[in-house]
């Protein structure tokens, strides 16, 4: 499971949008990708009448995806690495949960 969750604020560390930050809209863990609000916009050319959302057709911009390895979670204004700790049962757990509470 990735260390990023829906609603997290992340910073892109690699690629054409490097240095920009935004909120996670959707995770695609099976593909290893994440969709970030207002970043990696792609244009889709849609024919008239193909979709209920856009019956007039035209050029539609929507958020593309970014590889999970190319983003870091922001706590406050600083990016942090995904750290994991072992509990008594031996299960791995994210150590970032307590940082989220202190950042808010």
PDB file of N, CA and C in Angstrom:
ATOM      1  N   UNK A   1       0.841  -1.185   0.000  1.00  0.00           N
ATOM      2  CA  UNK A   1       0.000   0.000   0.000  1.00  0.00           C
ATOM      3  C   UNK A   1       0.882   1.242   0.000  1.00  0.00           C
ATOM      4  N   UNK A   2       0.573   2.212  -0.841  1.00  0.00           N
ATOM      5  CA  UNK A   2       1.394   3.415  -0.889  1.00  0.00           C
ATOM      6  C   UNK A   2       1.237   4.255   0.369  1.00  0.00           C
ATOM      7  N   UNK A   3       2.248   5.080   0.672  1.00  0.00           N
ATOM      8  CA  UNK A   3       2.199   5.933   1.850  1.00  0.00           C
ATOM      9  C   UNK A   3       1.458   7.229   1.605  1.00  0.00           C
ATOM     10  N   UNK A   4       0.751   7.316   0.503  1.00  0.00           N
ATOM     11  CA  UNK A   4       0.008   8.518   0.140  1.00  0.00           C
ATOM     12  C   UNK A   4      -1.473   8.194   0.192  1.00  0.00           C
ATOM     13  N   UNK A   5      -2.259   9.123   0.696  1.00  0.00           N
ATOM     14  CA  UNK A   5      -3.705   8.910   0.789  1.00  0.00           C
ATOM     15  C   UNK A   5      -4.448  10.017   0.061  1.00  0.00           C
ATOM     16  N   UNK A   6      -5.688   9.743  -0.273  1.00  0.00           N
ATOM     17  CA  UNK A   6      -6.546  10.740  -0.905  1.00  0.00           C
ATOM     18  C   UNK A   6      -6.700  11.919   0.053  1.00  0.00           C
ATOM     19  N   UNK A   7      -6.531  13.125  -0.469  1.00  0.00           N
ATOM     20  CA  UNK A   7      -6.655  14.322   0.357  1.00  0.00           C
ATOM     21  C   UNK A   7      -5.327  14.862   0.860  1.00  0.00           C
ATOM     22  N   UNK A   8      -4.241  14.080   0.769  1.00  0.00           N
ATOM     23  CA  UNK A   8      -2.917  14.555   1.179  1.00  0.00           C
ATOM     24  C   UNK A   8      -2.446  15.663   0.242  1.00  0.00           C
ATOM     25  N   UNK A   9      -1.659  16.572   0.773  1.00  0.00           N
ATOM     26  CA  UNK A   9      -0.998  17.566  -0.062  1.00  0.00           C
ATOM     27  C   UNK A   9       0.373  17.011  -0.406  1.00  0.00           C
ATOM     28  N   UNK A  10       0.684  16.981  -1.697  1.00  0.00           N
ATOM     29  CA  UNK A  10       1.945  16.396  -2.146  1.00  0.00           C
ATOM     30  C   UNK A  10       2.713  17.379  -3.017  1.00  0.00           C
ATOM     31  N   UNK A  11       4.011  17.128  -3.153  1.00  0.00           N
ATOM     32  CA  UNK A  11       4.882  17.930  -4.004  1.00  0.00           C
ATOM     33  C   UNK A  11       5.491  17.003  -5.047  1.00  0.00           C
ATOM     34  N   UNK A  12       5.500  17.439  -6.296  1.00  0.00           N
ATOM     35  CA  UNK A  12       6.091  16.637  -7.357  1.00  0.00           C
ATOM     36  C   UNK A  12       7.599  16.870  -7.343  1.00  0.00           C
ATOM     37  N   UNK A  13       8.370  15.776  -7.293  1.00  0.00           N
ATOM     38  CA  UNK A  13       9.821  15.885  -7.182  1.00  0.00           C
ATOM     39  C   UNK A  13      10.544  15.572  -8.484  1.00  0.00           C
ATOM     40  N   UNK A  14       9.805  15.153  -9.517  1.00  0.00           N
ATOM     41  CA  UNK A  14      10.439  14.818 -10.783  1.00  0.00           C
ATOM     42  C   UNK A  14       9.444  14.984 -11.920  1.00  0.00           C
ATOM     43  N   UNK A  15       9.944  15.322 -13.099  1.00  0.00           N
ATOM     44  CA  UNK A  15       9.082  15.450 -14.267  1.00  0.00           C
ATOM     45  C   UNK A  15       8.853  16.897 -14.663  1.00  0.00           C
ATOM     46  N   UNK A  16       7.953  17.097 -15.635  1.00  0.00           N
ATOM     47  CA  UNK A  16       7.748  18.447 -16.163  1.00  0.00           C
ATOM     48  C   UNK A  16       7.058  19.386 -15.179  1.00  0.00           C
ATOM     49  N   UNK A  17       6.368  18.858 -14.196  1.00  0.00           N
ATOM     50  CA  UNK A  17       5.692  19.677 -13.180  1.00  0.00           C
ATOM     51  C   UNK A  17       6.501  19.744 -11.882  1.00  0.00           C
ATOM     52  N   UNK A  18       7.801  19.480 -11.947  1.00  0.00           N
ATOM     53  CA  UNK A  18       8.667  19.423 -10.770  1.00  0.00           C
ATOM     54  C   UNK A  18       8.564  20.699  -9.934  1.00  0.00           C
ATOM     55  N   UNK A  19       8.432  20.520  -8.611  1.00  0.00           N
ATOM     56  CA  UNK A  19       8.376  21.650  -7.698  1.00  0.00           C
ATOM     57  C   UNK A  19       6.974  22.123  -7.372  1.00  0.00           C
ATOM     58  N   UNK A  20       5.991  21.714  -8.159  1.00  0.00           N
ATOM     59  CA  UNK A  20       4.618  22.149  -7.916  1.00  0.00           C
ATOM     60  C   UNK A  20       3.966  21.244  -6.880  1.00  0.00           C
ATOM     61  N   UNK A  21       2.939  21.774  -6.220  1.00  0.00           N
ATOM     62  CA  UNK A  21       2.245  20.982  -5.210  1.00  0.00           C
ATOM     63  C   UNK A  21       0.746  21.070  -5.401  1.00  0.00           C
ATOM     64  N   UNK A  22       0.051  20.055  -4.902  1.00  0.00           N
ATOM     65  CA  UNK A  22      -1.394  20.002  -5.022  1.00  0.00           C
ATOM     66  C   UNK A  22      -1.974  18.912  -4.140  1.00  0.00           C
ATOM     67  N   UNK A  23      -3.288  18.807  -4.156  1.00  0.00           N
ATOM     68  CA  UNK A  23      -4.011  17.845  -3.329  1.00  0.00           C
ATOM     69  C   UNK A  23      -4.298  16.577  -4.130  1.00  0.00           C
ATOM     70  N   UNK A  24      -4.171  15.415  -3.492  1.00  0.00           N
ATOM     71  CA  UNK A  24      -4.414  14.135  -4.156  1.00  0.00           C
ATOM     72  C   UNK A  24      -5.914  13.943  -4.337  1.00  0.00           C
ATOM     73  N   UNK A  25      -6.335  13.719  -5.589  1.00  0.00           N
ATOM     74  CA  UNK A  25      -7.741  13.482  -5.894  1.00  0.00           C
ATOM     75  C   UNK A  25      -8.067  11.996  -5.920  1.00  0.00           C
ATOM     76  N   UNK A  26      -7.129  11.200  -6.441  1.00  0.00           N
ATOM     77  CA  UNK A  26      -7.404   9.780  -6.648  1.00  0.00           C
ATOM     78  C   UNK A  26      -6.095   9.002  -6.640  1.00  0.00           C
ATOM     79  N   UNK A  27      -6.141   7.800  -6.055  1.00  0.00           N
ATOM     80  CA  UNK A  27      -5.002   6.887  -6.074  1.00  0.00           C
ATOM     81  C   UNK A  27      -5.305   5.732  -7.005  1.00  0.00           C
ATOM     82  N   UNK A  28      -4.318   5.324  -7.773  1.00  0.00           N
ATOM     83  CA  UNK A  28      -4.432   4.156  -8.637  1.00  0.00           C
ATOM     84  C   UNK A  28      -3.299   3.198  -8.259  1.00  0.00           C
ATOM     85  N   UNK A  29      -3.413   2.500  -7.103  1.00  0.00           N
ATOM     86  CA  UNK A  29      -2.297   1.683  -6.611  1.00  0.00           C
ATOM     87  C   UNK A  29      -1.931   0.517  -7.527  1.00  0.00           C
ATOM     88  N   UNK A  30      -2.900  -0.020  -8.257  1.00  0.00           N
ATOM     89  CA  UNK A  30      -2.588  -1.135  -9.153  1.00  0.00           C
ATOM     90  C   UNK A  30      -1.716  -0.691 -10.324  1.00  0.00           C
ATOM     91  N   UNK A  31      -1.793   0.588 -10.668  1.00  0.00           N
ATOM     92  CA  UNK A  31      -0.960   1.141 -11.739  1.00  0.00           C
ATOM     93  C   UNK A  31       0.241   1.908 -11.188  1.00  0.00           C
ATOM     94  N   UNK A  32       0.256   2.145  -9.868  1.00  0.00           N
ATOM     95  CA  UNK A  32       1.354   2.892  -9.260  1.00  0.00           C
ATOM     96  C   UNK A  32       1.319   4.372  -9.597  1.00  0.00           C
ATOM     97  N   UNK A  33       0.112   4.920  -9.731  1.00  0.00           N
ATOM     98  CA  UNK A  33      -0.034   6.320 -10.141  1.00  0.00           C
ATOM     99  C   UNK A  33      -0.999   7.049  -9.211  1.00  0.00           C
ATOM    100  N   UNK A  34      -0.963   8.376  -9.281  1.00  0.00           N
ATOM    101  CA  UNK A  34      -1.803   9.228  -8.448  1.00  0.00           C
ATOM    102  C   UNK A  34      -2.268  10.413  -9.293  1.00  0.00           C
ATOM    103  N   UNK A  35      -3.508  10.863  -9.063  1.00  0.00           N
ATOM    104  CA  UNK A  35      -4.064  12.012  -9.777  1.00  0.00           C
ATOM    105  C   UNK A  35      -4.061  13.198  -8.811  1.00  0.00           C
ATOM    106  N   UNK A  36      -3.457  14.320  -9.233  1.00  0.00           N
ATOM    107  CA  UNK A  36      -3.288  15.493  -8.375  1.00  0.00           C
ATOM    108  C   UNK A  36      -4.079  16.660  -8.945  1.00  0.00           C
ATOM    109  N   UNK A  37      -4.728  17.394  -8.045  1.00  0.00           N
ATOM    110  CA  UNK A  37      -5.595  18.507  -8.427  1.00  0.00           C
ATOM    111  C   UNK A  37      -4.827  19.593  -9.184  1.00  0.00           C
ATOM    112  N   UNK A  38      -5.328  19.955 -10.369  1.00  0.00           N
ATOM    113  CA  UNK A  38      -4.815  21.046 -11.210  1.00  0.00           C
ATOM    114  C   UNK A  38      -3.368  20.868 -11.676  1.00  0.00           C
ATOM    115  N   UNK A  39      -2.873  19.635 -11.703  1.00  0.00           N
ATOM    116  CA  UNK A  39      -1.529  19.365 -12.204  1.00  0.00           C
ATOM    117  C   UNK A  39      -1.579  18.280 -13.265  1.00  0.00           C
ATOM    118  N   UNK A  40      -0.608  18.291 -14.161  1.00  0.00           N
ATOM    119  CA  UNK A  40      -0.505  17.322 -15.258  1.00  0.00           C
ATOM    120  C   UNK A  40      -1.783  17.313 -16.102  1.00  0.00           C
ATOM    121  N   UNK A  41      -2.254  18.499 -16.460  1.00  0.00           N
ATOM    122  CA  UNK A  41      -3.482  18.605 -17.246  1.00  0.00           C
ATOM    123  C   UNK A  41      -3.264  18.041 -18.646  1.00  0.00           C
ATOM    124  N   UNK A  42      -4.207  17.210 -19.083  1.00  0.00           N
ATOM    125  CA  UNK A  42      -4.164  16.638 -20.425  1.00  0.00           C
ATOM    126  C   UNK A  42      -5.412  17.078 -21.171  1.00  0.00           C
ATOM    127  N   UNK A  43      -5.295  17.207 -22.479  1.00  0.00           N
ATOM    128  CA  UNK A  43      -6.436  17.616 -23.294  1.00  0.00           C
ATOM    129  C   UNK A  43      -7.021  16.400 -23.981  1.00  0.00           C
ATOM    130  N   UNK A  44      -8.340  16.312 -23.950  1.00  0.00           N
ATOM    131  CA  UNK A  44      -9.042  15.215 -24.602  1.00  0.00           C
ATOM    132  C   UNK A  44     -10.003  15.820 -25.619  1.00  0.00           C
ATOM    133  N   UNK A  45      -9.915  15.369 -26.852  1.00  0.00           N
ATOM    134  CA  UNK A  45     -10.796  15.844 -27.911  1.00  0.00           C
ATOM    135  C   UNK A  45     -12.006  14.922 -27.949  1.00  0.00           C
ATOM    136  N   UNK A  46     -13.184  15.474 -27.678  1.00  0.00           N
ATOM    137  CA  UNK A  46     -14.392  14.669 -27.563  1.00  0.00           C
ATOM    138  C   UNK A  46     -15.400  15.061 -28.638  1.00  0.00           C
ATOM    139  N   UNK A  47     -15.945  14.049 -29.285  1.00  0.00           N
ATOM    140  CA  UNK A  47     -16.958  14.301 -30.309  1.00  0.00           C
ATOM    141  C   UNK A  47     -18.268  14.735 -29.670  1.00  0.00           C
ATOM    142  N   UNK A  48     -19.072  15.421 -30.434  1.00  0.00           N
ATOM    143  CA  UNK A  48     -20.367  15.899 -29.972  1.00  0.00           C
ATOM    144  C   UNK A  48     -21.281  14.705 -29.676  1.00  0.00           C
ATOM    145  N   UNK A  49     -21.955  14.754 -28.529  1.00  0.00           N
ATOM    146  CA  UNK A  49     -22.935  13.735 -28.177  1.00  0.00           C
ATOM    147  C   UNK A  49     -22.366  12.450 -27.609  1.00  0.00           C
ATOM    148  N   UNK A  50     -21.068  12.376 -27.332  1.00  0.00           N
ATOM    149  CA  UNK A  50     -20.455  11.146 -26.817  1.00  0.00           C
ATOM    150  C   UNK A  50     -20.585  10.997 -25.307  1.00  0.00           C
ATOM    151  N   UNK A  51     -20.815  12.088 -24.596  1.00  0.00           N
ATOM    152  CA  UNK A  51     -20.850  12.037 -23.144  1.00  0.00           C
ATOM    153  C   UNK A  51     -22.011  12.879 -22.617  1.00  0.00           C
ATOM    154  N   UNK A  52     -22.639  12.402 -21.556  1.00  0.00           N
ATOM    155  CA  UNK A  52     -23.716  13.159 -20.917  1.00  0.00           C
ATOM    156  C   UNK A  52     -23.161  14.423 -20.252  1.00  0.00           C
ATOM    157  N   UNK A  53     -21.933  14.346 -19.750  1.00  0.00           N
ATOM    158  CA  UNK A  53     -21.330  15.490 -19.065  1.00  0.00           C
ATOM    159  C   UNK A  53     -21.019  16.631 -20.031  1.00  0.00           C
ATOM    160  N   UNK A  54     -20.634  16.291 -21.254  1.00  0.00           N
ATOM    161  CA  UNK A  54     -20.307  17.313 -22.253  1.00  0.00           C
ATOM    162  C   UNK A  54     -20.987  16.977 -23.577  1.00  0.00           C
ATOM    163  N   UNK A  55     -22.289  17.232 -23.688  1.00  0.00           N
ATOM    164  CA  UNK A  55     -22.992  16.876 -24.928  1.00  0.00           C
ATOM    165  C   UNK A  55     -22.557  17.711 -26.132  1.00  0.00           C
ATOM    166  N   UNK A  56     -21.984  18.906 -25.902  1.00  0.00           N
ATOM    167  CA  UNK A  56     -21.565  19.752 -27.011  1.00  0.00           C
ATOM    168  C   UNK A  56     -20.206  19.339 -27.577  1.00  0.00           C
ATOM    169  N   UNK A  57     -19.460  18.513 -26.846  1.00  0.00           N
ATOM    170  CA  UNK A  57     -18.151  18.067 -27.318  1.00  0.00           C
ATOM    171  C   UNK A  57     -17.107  19.152 -27.193  1.00  0.00           C
ATOM    172  N   UNK A  58     -15.992  18.994 -27.876  1.00  0.00           N
ATOM    173  CA  UNK A  58     -14.928  19.987 -27.851  1.00  0.00           C
ATOM    174  C   UNK A  58     -13.674  19.454 -27.195  1.00  0.00           C
ATOM    175  N   UNK A  59     -12.795  20.375 -26.825  1.00  0.00           N
ATOM    176  CA  UNK A  59     -11.536  20.014 -26.184  1.00  0.00           C
ATOM    177  C   UNK A  59     -11.716  20.160 -24.677  1.00  0.00           C
ATOM    178  N   UNK A  60     -11.512  19.073 -23.962  1.00  0.00           N
ATOM    179  CA  UNK A  60     -11.740  19.031 -22.523  1.00  0.00           C
ATOM    180  C   UNK A  60     -10.399  18.830 -21.828  1.00  0.00           C
ATOM    181  N   UNK A  61     -10.118  19.635 -20.803  1.00  0.00           N
ATOM    182  CA  UNK A  61      -8.902  19.472 -20.015  1.00  0.00           C
ATOM    183  C   UNK A  61      -9.247  18.761 -18.724  1.00  0.00           C
ATOM    184  N   UNK A  62      -8.438  17.762 -18.375  1.00  0.00           N
ATOM    185  CA  UNK A  62      -8.622  17.094 -17.095  1.00  0.00           C
ATOM    186  C   UNK A  62      -7.266  16.677 -16.548  1.00  0.00           C
ATOM    187  N   UNK A  63      -7.239  16.340 -15.258  1.00  0.00           N
ATOM    188  CA  UNK A  63      -5.988  15.981 -14.610  1.00  0.00           C
ATOM    189  C   UNK A  63      -5.500  14.624 -15.109  1.00  0.00           C
ATOM    190  N   UNK A  64      -4.219  14.564 -15.442  1.00  0.00           N
ATOM    191  CA  UNK A  64      -3.583  13.304 -15.791  1.00  0.00           C
ATOM    192  C   UNK A  64      -3.034  12.658 -14.524  1.00  0.00           C
ATOM    193  N   UNK A  65      -2.242  11.613 -14.675  1.00  0.00           N
ATOM    194  CA  UNK A  65      -1.689  10.927 -13.512  1.00  0.00           C
ATOM    195  C   UNK A  65      -0.180  11.114 -13.450  1.00  0.00           C
ATOM    196  N   UNK A  66       0.347  10.940 -12.238  1.00  0.00           N
ATOM    197  CA  UNK A  66       1.775  11.038 -11.969  1.00  0.00           C
ATOM    198  C   UNK A  66       2.182   9.750 -11.264  1.00  0.00           C
ATOM    199  N   UNK A  67       3.379   9.255 -11.526  1.00  0.00           N
ATOM    200  CA  UNK A  67       3.877   8.070 -10.832  1.00  0.00           C
ATOM    201  C   UNK A  67       4.013   8.371  -9.340  1.00  0.00           C
ATOM    202  N   UNK A  68       3.616   7.417  -8.504  1.00  0.00           N
ATOM    203  CA  UNK A  68       3.676   7.597  -7.053  1.00  0.00           C
ATOM    204  C   UNK A  68       5.110   7.872  -6.607  1.00  0.00           C
ATOM    205  N   UNK A  69       6.082   7.280  -7.293  1.00  0.00           N
ATOM    206  CA  UNK A  69       7.487   7.479  -6.917  1.00  0.00           C
ATOM    207  C   UNK A  69       7.961   8.906  -7.165  1.00  0.00           C
ATOM    208  N   UNK A  70       7.210   9.689  -7.925  1.00  0.00           N
ATOM    209  CA  UNK A  70       7.608  11.062  -8.250  1.00  0.00           C
ATOM    210  C   UNK A  70       6.955  12.110  -7.364  1.00  0.00           C
ATOM    211  N   UNK A  71       6.286  11.697  -6.291  1.00  0.00           N
ATOM    212  CA  UNK A  71       5.664  12.662  -5.383  1.00  0.00           C
ATOM    213  C   UNK A  71       6.085  12.385  -3.946  1.00  0.00           C
ATOM    214  N   UNK A  72       6.103  13.455  -3.142  1.00  0.00           N
ATOM    215  CA  UNK A  72       6.375  13.336  -1.707  1.00  0.00           C
ATOM    216  C   UNK A  72       5.275  14.057  -0.945  1.00  0.00           C
ATOM    217  N   UNK A  73       4.879  13.487   0.187  1.00  0.00           N
ATOM    218  CA  UNK A  73       3.844  14.079   1.028  1.00  0.00           C
ATOM    219  C   UNK A  73       4.407  15.310   1.724  1.00  0.00           C
ATOM    220  N   UNK A  74       3.603  16.361   1.791  1.00  0.00           N
ATOM    221  CA  UNK A  74       4.000  17.582   2.492  1.00  0.00           C
ATOM    222  C   UNK A  74       3.383  17.595   3.883  1.00  0.00           C
ATOM    223  N   UNK A  75       4.196  17.889   4.876  1.00  0.00           N
ATOM    224  CA  UNK A  75       3.713  18.121   6.233  1.00  0.00           C
ATOM    225  C   UNK A  75       4.107  19.549   6.555  1.00  0.00           C
ATOM    226  N   UNK A  76       3.103  20.400   6.676  1.00  0.00           N
ATOM    227  CA  UNK A  76       3.377  21.830   6.754  1.00  0.00           C
ATOM    228  C   UNK A  76       3.805  22.281   5.370  1.00  0.00           C
ATOM    229  N   UNK A  77       5.014  22.777   5.233  1.00  0.00           N
ATOM    230  CA  UNK A  77       5.548  23.158   3.925  1.00  0.00           C
ATOM    231  C   UNK A  77       6.724  22.291   3.506  1.00  0.00           C
ATOM    232  N   UNK A  78       7.051  21.268   4.309  1.00  0.00           N
ATOM    233  CA  UNK A  78       8.227  20.451   4.024  1.00  0.00           C
ATOM    234  C   UNK A  78       7.833  19.052   3.560  1.00  0.00           C
ATOM    235  N   UNK A  79       8.489  18.553   2.498  1.00  0.00           N
ATOM    236  CA  UNK A  79       8.229  17.180   2.072  1.00  0.00           C
ATOM    237  C   UNK A  79       8.886  16.193   3.030  1.00  0.00           C
ATOM    238  N   UNK A  80       8.204  15.081   3.314  1.00  0.00           N
ATOM    239  CA  UNK A  80       8.748  14.053   4.211  1.00  0.00           C
ATOM    240  C   UNK A  80       8.735  12.704   3.507  1.00  0.00           C
ATOM    241  N   UNK A  81       9.667  11.853   3.900  1.00  0.00           N
ATOM    242  CA  UNK A  81       9.721  10.503   3.351  1.00  0.00           C
ATOM    243  C   UNK A  81       8.701   9.619   4.051  1.00  0.00           C
ATOM    244  N   UNK A  82       8.330   8.531   3.362  1.00  0.00           N
ATOM    245  CA  UNK A  82       7.414   7.576   3.968  1.00  0.00           C
ATOM    246  C   UNK A  82       8.217   6.705   4.924  1.00  0.00           C
ATOM    247  N   UNK A  83       7.931   6.827   6.186  1.00  0.00           N
ATOM    248  CA  UNK A  83       8.631   6.017   7.174  1.00  0.00           C
ATOM    249  C   UNK A  83       7.684   4.962   7.699  1.00  0.00           C
ATOM    250  N   UNK A  84       8.241   3.828   8.023  1.00  0.00           N
ATOM    251  CA  UNK A  84       7.424   2.747   8.569  1.00  0.00           C
ATOM    252  C   UNK A  84       8.060   2.264   9.861  1.00  0.00           C
ATOM    253  N   UNK A  85       7.225   1.942  10.821  1.00  0.00           N
ATOM    254  CA  UNK A  85       7.717   1.403  12.082  1.00  0.00           C
ATOM    255  C   UNK A  85       7.070   0.054  12.313  1.00  0.00           C
ATOM    256  N   UNK A  86       7.708  -0.769  13.140  1.00  0.00           N
ATOM    257  CA  UNK A  86       7.140  -2.073  13.457  1.00  0.00           C
ATOM    258  C   UNK A  86       6.398  -1.964  14.783  1.00  0.00           C
ATOM    259  N   UNK A  87       5.225  -2.519  14.798  1.00  0.00           N
ATOM    260  CA  UNK A  87       4.470  -2.591  16.047  1.00  0.00           C
ATOM    261  C   UNK A  87       4.826  -3.889  16.762  1.00  0.00           C
ATOM    262  N   UNK A  88       4.263  -4.101  17.943  1.00  0.00           N
ATOM    263  CA  UNK A  88       4.559  -5.307  18.713  1.00  0.00           C
ATOM    264  C   UNK A  88       4.164  -6.573  17.968  1.00  0.00           C
ATOM    265  N   UNK A  89       3.114  -6.492  17.159  1.00  0.00           N
ATOM    266  CA  UNK A  89       2.643  -7.665  16.429  1.00  0.00           C
ATOM    267  C   UNK A  89       3.490  -7.965  15.197  1.00  0.00           C
ATOM    268  N   UNK A  90       4.389  -7.076  14.859  1.00  0.00           N
ATOM    269  CA  UNK A  90       5.239  -7.282  13.695  1.00  0.00           C
ATOM    270  C   UNK A  90       4.676  -6.663  12.428  1.00  0.00           C
ATOM    271  N   UNK A  91       3.463  -6.122  12.488  1.00  0.00           N
ATOM    272  CA  UNK A  91       2.860  -5.492  11.311  1.00  0.00           C
ATOM    273  C   UNK A  91       3.491  -4.123  11.103  1.00  0.00           C
ATOM    274  N   UNK A  92       3.669  -3.740   9.845  1.00  0.00           N
ATOM    275  CA  UNK A  92       4.246  -2.427   9.548  1.00  0.00           C
ATOM    276  C   UNK A  92       3.135  -1.384   9.519  1.00  0.00           C
ATOM    277  N   UNK A  93       3.452  -0.212  10.049  1.00  0.00           N
ATOM    278  CA  UNK A  93       2.463   0.864  10.141  1.00  0.00           C
ATOM    279  C   UNK A  93       3.125   2.175   9.723  1.00  0.00           C
ATOM    280  N   UNK A  94       2.374   3.070   9.205  1.00  0.00           N
ATOM    281  CA  UNK A  94       2.925   4.366   8.801  1.00  0.00           C
ATOM    282  C   UNK A  94       3.196   5.229  10.034  1.00  0.00           C
ATOM    283  N   UNK A  95       4.367   5.822  10.078  1.00  0.00           N
ATOM    284  CA  UNK A  95       4.751   6.657  11.215  1.00  0.00           C
ATOM    285  C   UNK A  95       4.323   8.095  11.005  1.00  0.00           C
ATOM    286  N   UNK A  96       3.730   8.374   9.868  1.00  0.00           N
ATOM    287  CA  UNK A  96       3.387   9.737   9.530  1.00  0.00           C
ATOM    288  C   UNK A  96       2.076  10.200  10.161  1.00  0.00           C
ATOM    289  N   UNK A  97       1.277   9.295  10.683  1.00  0.00           N
ATOM    290  CA  UNK A  97      -0.047   9.647  11.194  1.00  0.00           C
ATOM    291  C   UNK A  97       0.037  10.708  12.291  1.00  0.00           C
ATOM    292  N   UNK A  98       0.981  10.552  13.212  1.00  0.00           N
ATOM    293  CA  UNK A  98       1.091  11.538  14.288  1.00  0.00           C
ATOM    294  C   UNK A  98       1.607  12.874  13.755  1.00  0.00           C
ATOM    295  N   UNK A  99       2.403  12.877  12.685  1.00  0.00           N
ATOM    296  CA  UNK A  99       2.879  14.128  12.093  1.00  0.00           C
ATOM    297  C   UNK A  99       1.739  14.911  11.470  1.00  0.00           C
ATOM    298  N   UNK A 100       0.784  14.206  10.872  1.00  0.00           N
ATOM    299  CA  UNK A 100      -0.372  14.884  10.272  1.00  0.00           C
ATOM    300  C   UNK A 100      -1.136  15.663  11.326  1.00  0.00           C
ATOM    301  N   UNK A 101      -1.288  15.060  12.502  1.00  0.00           N
ATOM    302  CA  UNK A 101      -2.047  15.716  13.569  1.00  0.00           C
ATOM    303  C   UNK A 101      -1.330  16.975  14.045  1.00  0.00           C
ATOM    304  N   UNK A 102       0.002  16.918  14.133  1.00  0.00           N
ATOM    305  CA  UNK A 102       0.740  18.085  14.619  1.00  0.00           C
ATOM    306  C   UNK A 102       0.818  19.183  13.568  1.00  0.00           C
ATOM    307  N   UNK A 103       0.731  18.815  12.293  1.00  0.00           N
ATOM    308  CA  UNK A 103       0.825  19.817  11.228  1.00  0.00           C
ATOM    309  C   UNK A 103      -0.441  20.648  11.100  1.00  0.00           C
ATOM    310  N   UNK A 104      -1.576  20.110  11.513  1.00  0.00           N
ATOM    311  CA  UNK A 104      -2.857  20.816  11.358  1.00  0.00           C
ATOM    312  C   UNK A 104      -3.101  21.805  12.429  1.00  0.00           C
TER     313      UNK A 104
END
